[in-house]
Amino acid sequence: MTESALPSEFVVTLSCPDRPGIVYAVAGALLEAGCNIADSQQYGSPSTGNFFMRVEVTTPSSQADVEAKMRPVVESFGMDWQINPVGRKVRTLLLASKQGHCLNDLLFLQRSGTLPIEVPAIVSNHRDLEGLAEFYGIPFHHIPVTAATKPEAEAQLLDLIAEHGIELTVLARYMQVLSNDLCSKLNGRAINIHHSFLPSFKGAKPYHQAHARGVKIIGATAHYVTGDLDEGPIIEQEVIRVNHARTAEQFVQMGRDVEGRTLAQAVQWHAEHRVLLDDTRTVVFN
């Protein structure tokens, strides 16, 4: 078999109102497109009545051919769906402020090839992380933000997203609240890391709040950005145990490691098209 004739690999994701026959119809359409199903996962949500499916296939057919075979099924069931080449790197914009641990983790994993993203730009409202961006050879954009300049700053951000064909925006400890308008424009395409185990201890100094309450676990929450501060659909959470002997500063240090892992995992699952929105929740096909 020549290299040009090697089969392609695609991942198909879809959601629609649940009803009988969806899996049968999807499998039939993929079969007509010459696809071999390598992996298939599905879930019917009892709370929303929606059906979700993720399928990985190999096929000698082109993406356009698969789309053509799927189109009647998509229309018949009223599906929201996507098809993407397996392993395609998602163009990702990284935002950070002064703390660089989450940003560094993402950049390291991206460079090592374990995180399927491509990072054409880094944005910050401070210059503290400019050297980190330079180390990784990624253009750094300093966009200061004040209450008076917030609309202008967000307009610049949207210009960068359009210019670089950004598919995912990641707030890697970007300490600015996005406007409702920007959250709406980035719906389902922006991930934030919150440095606490949501929904507890929101706002400033969550680790100090947790320490004052004598908690026994601390953690981090990666979620999609919405207009409701720190209340977007949760993608991933991780916790670690602590005790009374730890100081608030130790909580912060321990939490940084958790934040980096949690955010990287959420970004990876999103980039691998494993996360589907189900109203205020997510369906994550691991």
Protein backbone atom coordinates (compact mmCIF):
# COMPACT_ATOMS: atom_id res chain seq x y z
CA MET A 1 0.00 0.00 0.00
CA THR A 2 1.43 3.38 -0.97
CA GLU A 3 1.66 6.23 1.52
CA SER A 4 -1.08 8.17 -0.31
CA ALA A 5 -3.41 5.18 0.00
CA LEU A 6 -2.98 4.74 3.75
CA PRO A 7 -6.31 4.94 5.58
CA SER A 8 -7.16 8.16 7.38
CA GLU A 9 -8.29 8.33 11.00
CA PHE A 10 -11.14 10.57 12.06
CA VAL A 11 -13.03 11.26 15.27
CA VAL A 12 -16.75 11.95 14.97
CA THR A 13 -18.59 13.63 17.84
CA LEU A 14 -22.30 14.35 17.97
CA SER A 15 -25.21 15.27 20.20
CA CYS A 16 -28.96 15.37 19.61
CA PRO A 17 -32.27 14.66 21.35
CA ASP A 18 -32.25 11.01 22.39
CA ARG A 19 -34.46 8.59 20.48
CA PRO A 20 -34.22 5.02 19.17
CA GLY A 21 -32.06 4.26 16.14
CA ILE A 22 -29.25 6.81 16.51
CA VAL A 23 -26.38 4.35 16.92
CA TYR A 24 -27.73 2.15 14.12
CA ALA A 25 -28.05 5.11 11.74
CA VAL A 26 -24.60 6.50 12.54
CA ALA A 27 -22.93 3.10 12.20
CA GLY A 28 -24.70 2.52 8.88
CA ALA A 29 -23.61 5.86 7.45
CA LEU A 30 -20.02 5.29 8.51
CA LEU A 31 -20.10 1.81 6.98
CA GLU A 32 -21.31 3.29 3.67
CA ALA A 33 -18.34 5.66 3.82
CA GLY A 34 -16.01 2.67 4.11
CA CYS A 35 -15.20 3.34 7.75
CA ASN A 36 -14.00 0.81 10.26
CA ILE A 37 -15.05 1.79 13.79
CA ALA A 38 -12.01 1.58 16.07
CA ASP A 39 -13.66 3.00 19.19
CA SER A 40 -17.19 4.07 20.07
CA GLN A 41 -18.66 5.60 23.22
CA GLN A 42 -22.16 6.93 23.81
CA TYR A 43 -24.26 8.33 26.62
CA GLY A 44 -27.90 9.25 27.05
CA SER A 45 -28.45 12.02 29.60
CA PRO A 46 -31.51 11.31 31.78
CA SER A 47 -31.58 14.90 33.03
CA THR A 48 -31.65 16.66 29.64
CA GLY A 49 -32.86 13.91 27.32
CA ASN A 50 -29.87 14.41 25.04
CA PHE A 51 -27.73 11.73 23.41
CA PHE A 52 -23.96 12.00 22.99
CA MET A 53 -21.57 9.93 20.93
CA ARG A 54 -17.86 9.85 20.10
CA VAL A 55 -16.57 7.51 17.40
CA GLU A 56 -13.04 6.97 16.09
CA VAL A 57 -12.83 5.46 12.62
CA THR A 58 -10.27 4.48 10.00
CA THR A 59 -11.19 4.77 6.35
CA PRO A 60 -9.69 5.08 2.87
CA SER A 61 -12.35 7.73 2.18
CA SER A 62 -11.77 11.46 2.44
CA GLN A 63 -13.27 13.63 5.16
CA ALA A 64 -15.61 15.11 2.55
CA ASP A 65 -16.85 11.62 1.64
CA VAL A 66 -17.58 10.79 5.27
CA GLU A 67 -19.37 14.10 5.73
CA ALA A 68 -21.53 13.41 2.66
CA LYS A 69 -22.60 10.01 4.00
CA MET A 70 -23.30 11.42 7.46
CA ARG A 71 -25.29 14.45 6.28
CA PRO A 72 -28.70 12.70 5.88
CA VAL A 73 -28.35 11.19 9.38
CA VAL A 74 -27.35 14.53 10.88
CA GLU A 75 -30.36 16.23 9.32
CA SER A 76 -32.78 13.44 10.25
CA PHE A 77 -31.84 13.48 13.94
CA GLY A 78 -31.13 17.21 14.27
CA MET A 79 -27.56 16.62 15.35
CA ASP A 80 -24.81 19.01 16.36
CA TRP A 81 -21.74 17.22 15.09
CA GLN A 82 -18.09 17.50 14.14
CA ILE A 83 -15.56 15.39 12.30
CA ASN A 84 -11.85 15.94 12.87
CA PRO A 85 -8.68 14.11 11.85
CA VAL A 86 -7.32 12.15 14.79
CA GLY A 87 -4.29 13.89 16.26
CA ARG A 88 -4.85 17.22 14.51
CA LYS A 89 -3.39 19.96 16.68
CA VAL A 90 -5.95 22.46 17.92
CA ARG A 91 -4.88 26.09 17.51
CA THR A 92 -4.81 27.43 21.04
CA LEU A 93 -4.34 30.90 22.52
CA LEU A 94 -2.87 30.94 26.03
CA LEU A 95 -3.66 33.76 28.47
CA ALA A 96 -1.83 34.34 31.74
CA SER A 97 -1.06 37.16 34.15
CA LYS A 98 1.90 36.91 36.56
CA GLN A 99 2.01 33.29 37.74
CA GLY A 100 3.58 31.02 35.16
CA HIS A 101 3.19 27.49 36.51
CA CYS A 102 0.11 26.56 34.45
CA LEU A 103 1.45 28.30 31.36
CA ASN A 104 4.79 26.53 31.66
CA ASP A 105 3.12 23.13 32.11
CA LEU A 106 1.06 23.59 28.95
CA LEU A 107 4.00 24.82 26.89
CA PHE A 108 6.24 21.98 28.07
CA LEU A 109 3.63 19.33 27.28
CA GLN A 110 2.93 20.90 23.91
CA ARG A 111 6.62 20.97 23.00
CA SER A 112 7.14 17.38 24.16
CA GLY A 113 4.34 16.25 21.86
CA THR A 114 2.01 14.91 24.54
CA LEU A 115 -0.54 17.72 24.25
CA PRO A 116 -2.18 18.01 20.80
CA ILE A 117 -2.29 21.79 20.59
CA GLU A 118 -0.52 24.43 18.52
CA VAL A 119 0.19 27.73 20.28
CA PRO A 120 0.65 30.67 17.89
CA ALA A 121 0.50 33.36 20.59
CA ILE A 122 0.52 34.09 24.31
CA VAL A 123 -1.39 37.05 25.79
CA SER A 124 -0.86 38.67 29.16
CA ASN A 125 -1.98 41.81 30.93
CA HIS A 126 1.52 42.01 32.49
CA ARG A 127 5.05 41.52 31.18
CA ASP A 128 6.23 39.11 33.89
CA LEU A 129 5.95 36.03 31.63
CA GLU A 130 7.47 37.54 28.49
CA GLY A 131 10.74 35.69 29.10
CA LEU A 132 8.91 32.36 29.35
CA ALA A 133 7.22 32.97 26.01
CA GLU A 134 10.58 33.91 24.48
CA PHE A 135 12.14 30.69 25.83
CA TYR A 136 9.52 28.65 23.99
CA GLY A 137 9.77 30.83 20.88
CA ILE A 138 6.14 31.93 20.93
CA PRO A 139 5.06 35.53 20.17
CA PHE A 140 4.07 37.42 23.33
CA HIS A 141 1.32 40.05 23.27
CA HIS A 142 1.12 42.47 26.17
CA ILE A 143 -2.46 43.76 26.43
CA PRO A 144 -2.91 45.80 29.63
CA VAL A 145 -6.39 45.78 31.13
CA THR A 146 -8.06 48.37 33.32
CA ALA A 147 -11.73 49.05 33.95
CA ALA A 148 -11.56 51.87 31.42
CA THR A 149 -9.68 49.92 28.72
CA LYS A 150 -11.38 46.53 29.13
CA PRO A 151 -13.57 46.83 25.97
CA GLU A 152 -10.53 47.83 23.89
CA ALA A 153 -8.41 45.03 25.38
CA GLU A 154 -11.07 42.42 24.63
CA ALA A 155 -11.39 43.76 21.07
CA GLN A 156 -7.63 43.22 20.63
CA LEU A 157 -8.03 39.73 21.99
CA LEU A 158 -10.77 38.93 19.50
CA ASP A 159 -8.62 40.32 16.69
CA LEU A 160 -5.81 37.94 17.66
CA ILE A 161 -8.26 35.03 17.79
CA ALA A 162 -9.46 35.84 14.28
CA GLU A 163 -5.97 36.54 12.91
CA HIS A 164 -4.52 33.24 14.11
CA GLY A 165 -7.56 31.05 13.52
CA ILE A 166 -7.79 30.24 17.22
CA GLU A 167 -10.05 27.31 18.10
CA LEU A 168 -9.45 27.21 21.87
CA THR A 169 -8.60 29.92 24.39
CA VAL A 170 -7.07 28.83 27.70
CA LEU A 171 -6.97 31.04 30.79
CA ALA A 172 -3.82 29.70 32.46
CA ARG A 173 -4.15 31.79 35.61
CA TYR A 174 -5.27 34.86 33.68
CA MET A 175 -6.51 37.03 36.51
CA GLN A 176 -9.12 39.01 34.61
CA VAL A 177 -12.88 38.52 34.48
CA LEU A 178 -14.07 38.31 30.87
CA SER A 179 -17.14 40.30 29.88
CA ASN A 180 -20.43 38.51 29.26
CA ASP A 181 -20.15 39.43 25.57
CA LEU A 182 -16.71 37.84 25.22
CA CYS A 183 -17.82 34.77 27.19
CA SER A 184 -20.72 34.38 24.79
CA LYS A 185 -18.43 34.65 21.74
CA LEU A 186 -16.10 32.00 23.21
CA ASN A 187 -18.83 29.67 24.45
CA GLY A 188 -17.52 26.11 24.60
CA ARG A 189 -14.14 27.26 23.30
CA ALA A 190 -12.52 28.77 26.41
CA ILE A 191 -11.20 26.87 29.43
CA ASN A 192 -10.30 28.35 32.81
CA ILE A 193 -8.48 26.88 35.79
CA HIS A 194 -9.82 27.85 39.18
CA HIS A 195 -7.48 27.43 42.09
CA SER A 196 -9.93 25.74 44.40
CA PHE A 197 -12.25 22.76 44.46
CA LEU A 198 -15.37 24.49 43.15
CA PRO A 199 -18.00 25.47 44.09
CA SER A 200 -16.38 26.22 47.46
CA PHE A 201 -14.05 29.11 48.22
CA LYS A 202 -14.62 31.28 45.18
CA GLY A 203 -13.01 34.68 44.71
CA ALA A 204 -9.74 35.96 46.21
CA LYS A 205 -7.28 33.77 48.13
CA PRO A 206 -9.25 30.52 48.05
CA TYR A 207 -6.40 28.54 49.64
CA HIS A 208 -6.33 30.94 52.55
CA GLN A 209 -10.12 30.62 52.85
CA ALA A 210 -9.74 26.85 52.85
CA HIS A 211 -6.97 26.99 55.45
CA ALA A 212 -9.08 29.17 57.73
CA ARG A 213 -11.90 26.62 57.54
CA GLY A 214 -9.58 23.71 58.37
CA VAL A 215 -10.27 21.73 55.19
CA LYS A 216 -8.84 18.26 54.72
CA ILE A 217 -8.66 18.35 50.94
CA ILE A 218 -7.72 21.08 48.47
CA GLY A 219 -7.83 20.96 44.72
CA ALA A 220 -8.42 22.64 41.40
CA THR A 221 -11.25 22.86 38.87
CA ALA A 222 -10.95 23.24 35.10
CA HIS A 223 -14.14 24.45 33.49
CA TYR A 224 -15.51 26.19 30.43
CA VAL A 225 -15.78 29.95 30.73
CA THR A 226 -19.25 31.45 31.01
CA GLY A 227 -20.69 34.76 32.14
CA ASP A 228 -21.32 33.22 35.58
CA LEU A 229 -17.97 33.68 37.31
CA ASP A 230 -16.27 30.35 38.06
CA GLU A 231 -19.51 28.45 37.49
CA GLY A 232 -19.07 27.18 33.92
CA PRO A 233 -19.46 23.49 33.00
CA ILE A 234 -16.78 21.49 34.81
CA ILE A 235 -14.38 19.40 32.71
CA GLU A 236 -11.96 18.05 35.31
CA GLN A 237 -11.21 18.31 39.03
CA GLU A 238 -8.43 16.95 41.21
CA VAL A 239 -7.92 17.00 44.97
CA ILE A 240 -5.09 16.24 47.37
CA ARG A 241 -5.20 15.66 51.13
CA VAL A 242 -3.88 18.22 53.61
CA ASN A 243 -3.95 18.50 57.39
CA HIS A 244 -3.77 20.96 60.25
CA ALA A 245 0.05 21.06 60.16
CA ARG A 246 0.18 22.69 56.73
CA THR A 247 0.39 26.46 56.44
CA ALA A 248 -1.65 28.54 54.01
CA GLU A 249 1.53 29.13 52.00
CA GLN A 250 2.09 25.37 51.75
CA PHE A 251 -1.50 25.01 50.57
CA VAL A 252 -0.68 27.46 47.76
CA GLN A 253 2.47 25.59 46.73
CA MET A 254 0.77 22.20 46.77
CA GLY A 255 -2.18 23.65 44.89
CA ARG A 256 -0.01 24.90 42.04
CA ASP A 257 0.97 21.37 41.08
CA VAL A 258 -2.68 20.30 41.10
CA GLU A 259 -3.72 23.31 39.02
CA GLY A 260 -1.19 22.51 36.30
CA ARG A 261 -2.20 18.85 36.05
CA THR A 262 -5.92 19.59 36.10
CA LEU A 263 -5.75 22.27 33.42
CA ALA A 264 -3.49 20.20 31.16
CA GLN A 265 -5.87 17.23 31.43
CA ALA A 266 -8.88 19.37 30.55
CA VAL A 267 -7.08 20.91 27.56
CA GLN A 268 -6.02 17.48 26.34
CA TRP A 269 -9.53 16.05 26.55
CA HIS A 270 -10.92 19.08 24.72
CA ALA A 271 -8.25 18.88 22.01
CA GLU A 272 -8.99 15.17 21.55
CA HIS A 273 -12.69 16.00 21.14
CA ARG A 274 -13.71 14.06 24.23
CA VAL A 275 -15.79 16.79 25.89
CA LEU A 276 -19.38 17.56 24.90
CA LEU A 277 -21.62 20.16 26.53
CA ASP A 278 -24.82 19.00 28.18
CA ASP A 279 -26.47 22.23 29.32
CA THR A 280 -24.61 23.24 32.51
CA ARG A 281 -22.66 19.97 32.64
CA THR A 282 -20.17 18.17 30.45
CA VAL A 283 -20.01 14.66 29.08
CA VAL A 284 -16.36 13.53 29.03
CA PHE A 285 -15.52 10.38 27.07
CA ASN A 286 -12.23 9.22 28.65
